[in-house]
Protein backbone atom coordinates (compact mmCIF):
# COMPACT_ATOMS: atom_id res chain seq x y z
CA MET A 1 0.91 -8.13 38.15
CA ARG A 2 1.07 -6.02 35.26
CA ILE A 3 -0.26 -7.30 31.84
CA THR A 4 -1.39 -6.35 28.61
CA VAL A 5 -5.10 -6.93 26.87
CA SER A 6 -5.72 -6.38 23.23
CA ARG A 7 -8.71 -6.22 21.41
CA ARG A 8 -8.81 -5.84 17.47
CA ALA A 9 -11.43 -3.87 15.35
CA HIS A 10 -12.27 -3.57 11.65
CA PHE A 11 -13.39 -0.49 9.76
CA ASN A 12 -13.24 1.15 5.84
CA ALA A 13 -12.19 4.57 5.05
CA ALA A 14 -11.26 6.89 2.43
CA HIS A 15 -8.41 9.72 2.14
CA ARG A 16 -6.24 11.85 0.27
CA LEU A 17 -2.56 12.59 1.05
CA HIS A 18 -2.33 16.33 -0.04
CA ASN A 19 -0.37 19.05 1.24
CA PRO A 20 -2.01 22.22 -0.05
CA THR A 21 1.37 23.86 0.56
CA PHE A 22 3.18 21.87 -1.89
CA SER A 23 2.67 22.24 -5.86
CA ASP A 24 1.17 19.26 -7.63
CA GLU A 25 4.21 18.01 -8.90
CA LYS A 26 5.85 17.83 -5.35
CA ASN A 27 2.62 16.30 -3.96
CA GLU A 28 2.69 13.54 -6.90
CA ALA A 29 6.34 12.85 -6.32
CA ILE A 30 5.96 12.36 -2.54
CA PHE A 31 2.24 10.72 -2.13
CA GLY A 32 2.08 8.92 -5.41
CA LYS A 33 -1.14 6.89 -6.15
CA CYS A 34 -2.12 8.41 -2.45
CA ASN A 35 -2.58 11.86 -3.74
CA ASN A 36 -5.41 10.79 -6.27
CA ALA A 37 -8.16 13.95 -6.55
CA ASN A 38 -10.80 11.27 -6.19
CA TYR A 39 -9.30 9.82 -2.80
CA HIS A 40 -8.72 6.02 -2.35
CA GLY A 41 -9.85 3.95 0.54
CA HIS A 42 -8.22 1.02 2.85
CA ASN A 43 -9.56 -1.81 5.07
CA TYR A 44 -8.13 -0.69 8.26
CA GLU A 45 -7.52 -3.43 10.96
CA LEU A 46 -6.48 -1.61 14.15
CA GLU A 47 -5.07 -3.51 17.46
CA VAL A 48 -5.76 -1.87 20.77
CA PHE A 49 -3.04 -2.80 23.76
CA VAL A 50 -4.32 -1.81 27.26
CA SER A 51 -1.69 -2.22 29.93
CA GLY A 52 -2.17 -2.02 33.96
CA GLU A 53 -2.14 -3.64 36.98
CA VAL A 54 -4.95 -6.75 37.18
CA ASN A 55 -7.76 -5.99 39.70
CA GLN A 56 -7.58 -8.92 41.90
CA GLU A 57 -10.92 -8.98 42.94
CA THR A 58 -12.29 -9.47 39.64
CA GLY A 59 -9.02 -11.10 37.57
CA TYR A 60 -9.76 -8.45 34.81
CA LEU A 61 -7.37 -5.79 33.76
CA ILE A 62 -10.56 -4.33 31.93
CA ASP A 63 -13.56 -5.93 30.82
CA LEU A 64 -12.82 -6.94 27.39
CA LYS A 65 -16.57 -6.32 26.37
CA VAL A 66 -16.25 -2.58 27.75
CA LEU A 67 -13.04 -1.98 25.45
CA LYS A 68 -15.07 -3.54 22.71
CA ASP A 69 -17.94 -1.21 23.13
CA ILE A 70 -15.60 2.14 23.34
CA ILE A 71 -13.82 1.00 20.63
CA LYS A 72 -16.95 0.44 18.24
CA GLU A 73 -18.75 3.79 19.55
CA HIS A 74 -15.60 6.21 19.51
CA VAL A 75 -13.52 4.55 16.65
CA GLU A 76 -15.76 2.32 14.34
CA GLU A 77 -18.85 4.38 14.25
CA LYS A 78 -16.86 7.83 14.17
CA PHE A 79 -14.65 6.50 10.90
CA ASP A 80 -16.38 3.59 9.10
CA HIS A 81 -17.01 4.46 5.86
CA LYS A 82 -16.06 8.19 5.89
CA ASN A 83 -13.67 10.02 3.83
CA LEU A 84 -11.55 11.11 6.38
CA ASN A 85 -10.37 14.24 4.45
CA LEU A 86 -13.94 15.48 4.35
CA ASP A 87 -16.22 13.90 7.03
CA VAL A 88 -13.50 14.06 10.01
CA PRO A 89 -12.84 17.71 11.68
CA GLU A 90 -10.10 16.33 13.06
CA PHE A 91 -8.20 16.37 9.70
CA ALA A 92 -9.11 19.37 8.38
CA ASN A 93 -5.76 20.84 9.01
CA LEU A 94 -3.95 17.74 9.43
CA LEU A 95 -2.62 15.37 6.56
CA PRO A 96 -5.03 11.98 7.42
CA SER A 97 -1.71 9.91 6.91
CA THR A 98 -1.97 6.44 8.95
CA GLU A 99 1.01 7.69 11.45
CA ASN A 100 -1.85 10.81 12.52
CA PHE A 101 -4.42 8.64 12.12
CA ALA A 102 -2.95 6.14 14.55
CA LYS A 103 -2.16 8.95 16.95
CA LEU A 104 -5.63 10.57 16.49
CA ILE A 105 -7.39 7.05 17.61
CA HIS A 106 -4.98 6.66 20.29
CA ASP A 107 -5.72 9.80 22.17
CA ILE A 108 -9.30 9.50 21.64
CA LEU A 109 -9.45 6.16 23.11
CA ALA A 110 -7.21 7.27 25.99
CA SER A 111 -9.90 9.72 26.62
CA LYS A 112 -12.19 7.30 27.25
CA LEU A 113 -10.26 4.69 29.44
CA ASP A 114 -9.14 4.71 33.05
CA PRO A 115 -6.08 6.90 33.16
CA ALA A 116 -4.37 4.33 35.33
CA PHE A 117 -4.12 2.23 32.04
CA SER A 118 -1.46 3.04 29.18
CA ILE A 119 -2.65 2.17 26.12
CA GLN A 120 -1.06 1.38 22.55
CA VAL A 121 -2.57 1.27 19.06
CA LYS A 122 -1.65 -0.51 15.97
CA LEU A 123 -3.18 0.54 12.80
CA TRP A 124 -3.11 -1.76 10.02
CA GLU A 125 -3.34 0.19 6.54
CA THR A 126 -2.77 -2.50 4.44
CA PRO A 127 -1.90 -6.33 5.06
CA ARG A 128 1.85 -5.07 5.13
CA ASN A 129 1.96 -1.73 6.53
CA ALA A 130 1.05 -0.76 10.10
CA VAL A 131 1.59 1.98 12.36
CA ILE A 132 2.32 1.46 16.31
CA TYR A 133 1.50 4.55 18.51
CA PRO A 134 3.10 5.08 20.76
CA ALA A 135 6.15 3.96 19.77
CA ILE A 136 7.67 0.83 21.42
CA ASP A 137 10.58 2.70 23.08
CA GLN A 138 8.26 5.49 24.19
CA ILE A 139 6.05 2.85 26.17
CA ARG A 140 6.39 3.05 30.16
């Protein structure tokens, strides 16, 4: 039986959307307030979805305590109360947009979980704006 389980997490982080190849005017026009030179923060909500086959011996797809611990160690502790532009090496040459952030979180978690699982993340930047990676039409 194939099934999906999910786990939610929360953390806070700051960032600035600024493309150094753009003029200040172009950055302002594209990114608006998100281009604030002093950065700005978000209260991120993360949903992690893990899909696969249920283990018939345990009745679990994955022990949710194990998933919670992986998310805490590799996402919450890595990003909580950090400036994504300054404190996260992966964003040294990559805009810390929510789209790029969701993919980064996905890739980190995928590397920590059994490859038999497929995972998807939904990262809420605000209560109204979220990004899902991989896209719903790309899930196997």
